[in-house]
Amino acid sequence: MLTSKQRAYLRGIANTYETVLIVGKGGITENLIKQADETLEARELIKGRVLETSDISAMETADIIAEKTKSDVVQVIGSKFILFRQKKKESQFVLPKSKKKS
């Protein structure tokens, strides 16, 4: 689970990213989940978009894809969403540490 500081850090990075995952009227299919999983494995941080023709909202889409790919929803704004799944080894992202309460 990401902290608010980590989410803010990832949002800043994703701001320059292109949308790589598009959900249309076909909704969330097995091929879409597979594409998201493979892209998360390669990039760790991806941006997606839900078209107006889709029957499902961006929030619902992000939640479902995140659950099936074991990733975290970083942000959902309008029809766009950002997902993150950090690699166990050789991650390109160094997330800010959360402060421990004493």
N, C-alpha and C. Protein backbone atom coordinates (compact mmCIF):
# COMPACT_ATOMS: atom_id res chain seq x y z
N MET A 1 0.85 -1.18 0.00
CA MET A 1 0.00 0.00 0.00
C MET A 1 0.89 1.24 0.00
N LEU A 2 0.53 2.18 -0.83
CA LEU A 2 1.31 3.40 -0.99
C LEU A 2 0.88 4.48 0.00
N THR A 3 1.85 5.25 0.47
CA THR A 3 1.53 6.40 1.31
C THR A 3 1.18 7.58 0.42
N SER A 4 0.65 8.64 1.00
CA SER A 4 0.28 9.82 0.21
C SER A 4 1.52 10.47 -0.40
N LYS A 5 2.63 10.42 0.32
CA LYS A 5 3.88 10.99 -0.20
C LYS A 5 4.37 10.19 -1.42
N GLN A 6 4.26 8.88 -1.35
CA GLN A 6 4.66 8.03 -2.46
C GLN A 6 3.75 8.22 -3.66
N ARG A 7 2.45 8.36 -3.40
CA ARG A 7 1.50 8.62 -4.49
C ARG A 7 1.81 9.95 -5.18
N ALA A 8 2.11 10.97 -4.40
CA ALA A 8 2.44 12.28 -4.97
C ALA A 8 3.69 12.19 -5.82
N TYR A 9 4.68 11.44 -5.35
CA TYR A 9 5.93 11.25 -6.10
C TYR A 9 5.65 10.56 -7.44
N LEU A 10 4.85 9.50 -7.41
CA LEU A 10 4.53 8.75 -8.63
C LEU A 10 3.64 9.56 -9.58
N ARG A 11 2.72 10.36 -9.04
CA ARG A 11 1.89 11.22 -9.89
C ARG A 11 2.75 12.20 -10.68
N GLY A 12 3.76 12.75 -10.01
CA GLY A 12 4.65 13.69 -10.68
C GLY A 12 5.41 13.05 -11.82
N ILE A 13 5.86 11.83 -11.61
CA ILE A 13 6.57 11.11 -12.67
C ILE A 13 5.63 10.76 -13.82
N ALA A 14 4.44 10.26 -13.50
CA ALA A 14 3.49 9.81 -14.52
C ALA A 14 2.92 10.96 -15.34
N ASN A 15 3.09 12.18 -14.86
CA ASN A 15 2.56 13.34 -15.56
C ASN A 15 3.07 13.43 -16.99
N THR A 16 4.29 13.00 -17.23
CA THR A 16 4.88 13.08 -18.57
C THR A 16 4.66 11.81 -19.38
N TYR A 17 4.08 10.78 -18.79
CA TYR A 17 3.89 9.50 -19.47
C TYR A 17 2.73 9.56 -20.46
N GLU A 18 2.86 8.78 -21.51
CA GLU A 18 1.78 8.63 -22.48
C GLU A 18 0.81 7.55 -22.00
N THR A 19 -0.44 7.65 -22.42
CA THR A 19 -1.45 6.65 -22.09
C THR A 19 -1.16 5.37 -22.88
N VAL A 20 -1.00 4.25 -22.18
CA VAL A 20 -0.66 3.00 -22.85
C VAL A 20 -1.77 1.97 -22.77
N LEU A 21 -2.76 2.20 -21.92
CA LEU A 21 -3.84 1.24 -21.72
C LEU A 21 -5.16 1.96 -21.96
N ILE A 22 -5.94 1.47 -22.92
CA ILE A 22 -7.21 2.11 -23.25
C ILE A 22 -8.35 1.10 -23.13
N VAL A 23 -9.37 1.47 -22.35
CA VAL A 23 -10.53 0.62 -22.13
C VAL A 23 -11.70 1.21 -22.90
N GLY A 24 -12.25 0.43 -23.81
CA GLY A 24 -13.36 0.90 -24.65
C GLY A 24 -14.66 0.21 -24.29
N LYS A 25 -15.55 0.12 -25.29
CA LYS A 25 -16.86 -0.44 -25.03
C LYS A 25 -16.82 -1.93 -24.74
N GLY A 26 -15.72 -2.59 -25.07
CA GLY A 26 -15.57 -4.00 -24.76
C GLY A 26 -15.35 -4.25 -23.28
N GLY A 27 -15.01 -3.19 -22.55
CA GLY A 27 -14.80 -3.32 -21.11
C GLY A 27 -13.48 -3.98 -20.77
N ILE A 28 -13.44 -4.60 -19.61
CA ILE A 28 -12.22 -5.23 -19.13
C ILE A 28 -12.23 -6.70 -19.55
N THR A 29 -11.35 -7.03 -20.47
CA THR A 29 -11.24 -8.40 -20.98
C THR A 29 -9.97 -9.05 -20.45
N GLU A 30 -9.86 -10.36 -20.65
CA GLU A 30 -8.65 -11.07 -20.25
C GLU A 30 -7.43 -10.53 -20.99
N ASN A 31 -7.61 -10.17 -22.27
CA ASN A 31 -6.49 -9.60 -23.04
C ASN A 31 -6.04 -8.27 -22.46
N LEU A 32 -6.98 -7.46 -21.99
CA LEU A 32 -6.65 -6.17 -21.39
C LEU A 32 -5.88 -6.37 -20.09
N ILE A 33 -6.31 -7.33 -19.28
CA ILE A 33 -5.62 -7.64 -18.03
C ILE A 33 -4.21 -8.13 -18.33
N LYS A 34 -4.08 -9.00 -19.33
CA LYS A 34 -2.76 -9.52 -19.72
C LYS A 34 -1.85 -8.39 -20.19
N GLN A 35 -2.40 -7.48 -21.00
CA GLN A 35 -1.63 -6.34 -21.49
C GLN A 35 -1.18 -5.45 -20.32
N ALA A 36 -2.09 -5.19 -19.39
CA ALA A 36 -1.75 -4.37 -18.23
C ALA A 36 -0.67 -5.04 -17.39
N ASP A 37 -0.79 -6.34 -17.18
CA ASP A 37 0.18 -7.09 -16.38
C ASP A 37 1.57 -7.04 -17.02
N GLU A 38 1.63 -7.27 -18.33
CA GLU A 38 2.91 -7.26 -19.04
C GLU A 38 3.53 -5.86 -19.05
N THR A 39 2.70 -4.85 -19.21
CA THR A 39 3.20 -3.48 -19.24
C THR A 39 3.69 -3.05 -17.86
N LEU A 40 2.97 -3.45 -16.81
CA LEU A 40 3.42 -3.16 -15.45
C LEU A 40 4.75 -3.85 -15.16
N GLU A 41 4.91 -5.06 -15.65
CA GLU A 41 6.15 -5.80 -15.45
C GLU A 41 7.32 -5.08 -16.12
N ALA A 42 7.07 -4.52 -17.28
CA ALA A 42 8.14 -3.84 -18.02
C ALA A 42 8.40 -2.42 -17.52
N ARG A 43 7.32 -1.69 -17.21
CA ARG A 43 7.46 -0.25 -16.89
C ARG A 43 7.25 0.11 -15.43
N GLU A 44 6.53 -0.69 -14.69
CA GLU A 44 6.18 -0.48 -13.29
C GLU A 44 5.09 0.57 -13.09
N LEU A 45 5.09 1.62 -13.88
CA LEU A 45 4.13 2.72 -13.74
C LEU A 45 3.46 2.94 -15.09
N ILE A 46 2.13 2.83 -15.13
CA ILE A 46 1.42 3.00 -16.40
C ILE A 46 0.22 3.93 -16.24
N LYS A 47 -0.12 4.55 -17.36
CA LYS A 47 -1.28 5.44 -17.40
C LYS A 47 -2.32 4.81 -18.32
N GLY A 48 -3.57 4.80 -17.86
CA GLY A 48 -4.66 4.25 -18.65
C GLY A 48 -5.79 5.24 -18.82
N ARG A 49 -6.69 4.92 -19.75
CA ARG A 49 -7.81 5.81 -20.04
C ARG A 49 -9.05 4.99 -20.35
N VAL A 50 -10.19 5.45 -19.90
CA VAL A 50 -11.46 4.80 -20.19
C VAL A 50 -12.22 5.68 -21.18
N LEU A 51 -12.58 5.11 -22.32
CA LEU A 51 -13.31 5.86 -23.33
C LEU A 51 -14.76 6.08 -22.90
N GLU A 52 -15.40 7.09 -23.50
CA GLU A 52 -16.80 7.41 -23.17
C GLU A 52 -17.74 6.27 -23.53
N THR A 53 -17.36 5.44 -24.48
CA THR A 53 -18.22 4.33 -24.91
C THR A 53 -18.24 3.18 -23.92
N SER A 54 -17.37 3.21 -22.93
CA SER A 54 -17.30 2.14 -21.94
C SER A 54 -18.45 2.25 -20.94
N ASP A 55 -18.92 1.10 -20.48
CA ASP A 55 -20.01 1.07 -19.50
C ASP A 55 -19.52 1.17 -18.07
N ILE A 56 -18.20 1.22 -17.89
CA ILE A 56 -17.62 1.19 -16.55
C ILE A 56 -16.80 2.47 -16.32
N SER A 57 -16.82 2.97 -15.10
CA SER A 57 -16.12 4.22 -14.79
C SER A 57 -14.61 3.99 -14.67
N ALA A 58 -13.87 5.07 -14.69
CA ALA A 58 -12.41 4.99 -14.56
C ALA A 58 -12.02 4.44 -13.19
N MET A 59 -12.73 4.83 -12.14
CA MET A 59 -12.43 4.36 -10.79
C MET A 59 -12.64 2.85 -10.69
N GLU A 60 -13.77 2.37 -11.19
CA GLU A 60 -14.06 0.93 -11.16
C GLU A 60 -13.04 0.16 -11.99
N THR A 61 -12.71 0.70 -13.15
CA THR A 61 -11.73 0.07 -14.04
C THR A 61 -10.38 -0.04 -13.35
N ALA A 62 -9.91 1.06 -12.77
CA ALA A 62 -8.62 1.06 -12.08
C ALA A 62 -8.60 0.06 -10.94
N ASP A 63 -9.68 0.02 -10.16
CA ASP A 63 -9.76 -0.91 -9.03
C ASP A 63 -9.71 -2.37 -9.48
N ILE A 64 -10.45 -2.69 -10.53
CA ILE A 64 -10.50 -4.07 -11.03
C ILE A 64 -9.14 -4.49 -11.60
N ILE A 65 -8.55 -3.64 -12.43
CA ILE A 65 -7.26 -3.97 -13.02
C ILE A 65 -6.19 -4.08 -11.94
N ALA A 66 -6.21 -3.17 -10.97
CA ALA A 66 -5.23 -3.20 -9.88
C ALA A 66 -5.36 -4.50 -9.09
N GLU A 67 -6.57 -4.92 -8.82
CA GLU A 67 -6.78 -6.16 -8.07
C GLU A 67 -6.26 -7.37 -8.85
N LYS A 68 -6.57 -7.42 -10.13
CA LYS A 68 -6.18 -8.58 -10.94
C LYS A 68 -4.69 -8.61 -11.26
N THR A 69 -4.04 -7.46 -11.26
CA THR A 69 -2.60 -7.42 -11.56
C THR A 69 -1.75 -7.24 -10.31
N LYS A 70 -2.39 -7.20 -9.15
CA LYS A 70 -1.70 -6.99 -7.87
C LYS A 70 -0.86 -5.71 -7.88
N SER A 71 -1.48 -4.65 -8.36
CA SER A 71 -0.82 -3.34 -8.42
C SER A 71 -1.59 -2.35 -7.54
N ASP A 72 -1.07 -1.13 -7.45
CA ASP A 72 -1.71 -0.08 -6.66
C ASP A 72 -2.26 1.00 -7.57
N VAL A 73 -3.44 1.52 -7.23
CA VAL A 73 -4.00 2.66 -7.94
C VAL A 73 -3.33 3.91 -7.35
N VAL A 74 -2.65 4.66 -8.21
CA VAL A 74 -1.97 5.87 -7.76
C VAL A 74 -2.94 7.04 -7.80
N GLN A 75 -3.68 7.15 -8.91
CA GLN A 75 -4.59 8.29 -9.08
C GLN A 75 -5.64 7.97 -10.13
N VAL A 76 -6.82 8.56 -9.93
CA VAL A 76 -7.89 8.52 -10.93
C VAL A 76 -8.42 9.93 -11.06
N ILE A 77 -8.33 10.48 -12.26
CA ILE A 77 -8.89 11.81 -12.52
C ILE A 77 -9.65 11.74 -13.83
N GLY A 78 -10.94 12.04 -13.75
CA GLY A 78 -11.77 12.01 -14.95
C GLY A 78 -11.78 10.62 -15.55
N SER A 79 -11.33 10.51 -16.79
CA SER A 79 -11.32 9.21 -17.47
C SER A 79 -9.94 8.55 -17.44
N LYS A 80 -8.99 9.17 -16.76
CA LYS A 80 -7.62 8.62 -16.74
C LYS A 80 -7.27 8.06 -15.36
N PHE A 81 -6.40 7.07 -15.38
CA PHE A 81 -5.94 6.46 -14.14
C PHE A 81 -4.47 6.06 -14.26
N ILE A 82 -3.82 5.94 -13.10
CA ILE A 82 -2.41 5.57 -13.04
C ILE A 82 -2.27 4.38 -12.10
N LEU A 83 -1.54 3.35 -12.58
CA LEU A 83 -1.29 2.15 -11.78
C LEU A 83 0.20 1.97 -11.58
N PHE A 84 0.57 1.36 -10.44
CA PHE A 84 1.98 1.13 -10.12
C PHE A 84 2.15 -0.23 -9.48
N ARG A 85 3.17 -0.96 -9.95
CA ARG A 85 3.57 -2.21 -9.32
C ARG A 85 5.09 -2.28 -9.37
N GLN A 86 5.71 -2.15 -8.21
CA GLN A 86 7.16 -2.10 -8.14
C GLN A 86 7.76 -3.49 -8.30
N LYS A 87 8.85 -3.55 -9.06
CA LYS A 87 9.57 -4.81 -9.22
C LYS A 87 10.27 -5.16 -7.91
N LYS A 88 10.40 -6.44 -7.67
CA LYS A 88 11.08 -6.90 -6.46
C LYS A 88 12.58 -6.59 -6.54
N LYS A 89 13.15 -6.77 -7.75
CA LYS A 89 14.58 -6.52 -7.97
C LYS A 89 14.73 -5.52 -9.10
N GLU A 90 15.73 -4.69 -8.99
CA GLU A 90 16.11 -3.75 -10.04
C GLU A 90 14.98 -2.79 -10.44
N SER A 91 14.30 -2.25 -9.47
CA SER A 91 13.26 -1.28 -9.74
C SER A 91 13.89 0.05 -10.15
N GLN A 92 13.24 0.73 -11.08
CA GLN A 92 13.75 2.04 -11.49
C GLN A 92 13.24 3.16 -10.60
N PHE A 93 12.35 2.83 -9.66
CA PHE A 93 11.77 3.83 -8.77
C PHE A 93 12.25 3.64 -7.34
N VAL A 94 12.69 4.73 -6.73
CA VAL A 94 13.03 4.73 -5.31
C VAL A 94 11.97 5.58 -4.62
N LEU A 95 11.04 4.89 -3.97
CA LEU A 95 9.93 5.60 -3.34
C LEU A 95 10.36 6.27 -2.04
N PRO A 96 9.80 7.45 -1.77
CA PRO A 96 10.10 8.12 -0.49
C PRO A 96 9.66 7.23 0.67
N LYS A 97 10.44 7.21 1.71
CA LYS A 97 10.13 6.41 2.89
C LYS A 97 9.06 7.13 3.73
N SER A 98 8.22 6.34 4.37
CA SER A 98 7.24 6.94 5.28
C SER A 98 7.87 7.11 6.64
N LYS A 99 7.49 8.16 7.33
CA LYS A 99 8.02 8.42 8.66
C LYS A 99 7.31 7.53 9.67
N LYS A 100 8.08 6.92 10.54
CA LYS A 100 7.49 6.07 11.57
C LYS A 100 7.14 6.93 12.78
N LYS A 101 5.97 6.67 13.33
CA LYS A 101 5.54 7.40 14.53
C LYS A 101 6.18 6.76 15.76
N SER A 102 6.61 7.61 16.70
CA SER A 102 7.25 7.05 17.90
C SER A 102 6.28 6.89 19.04
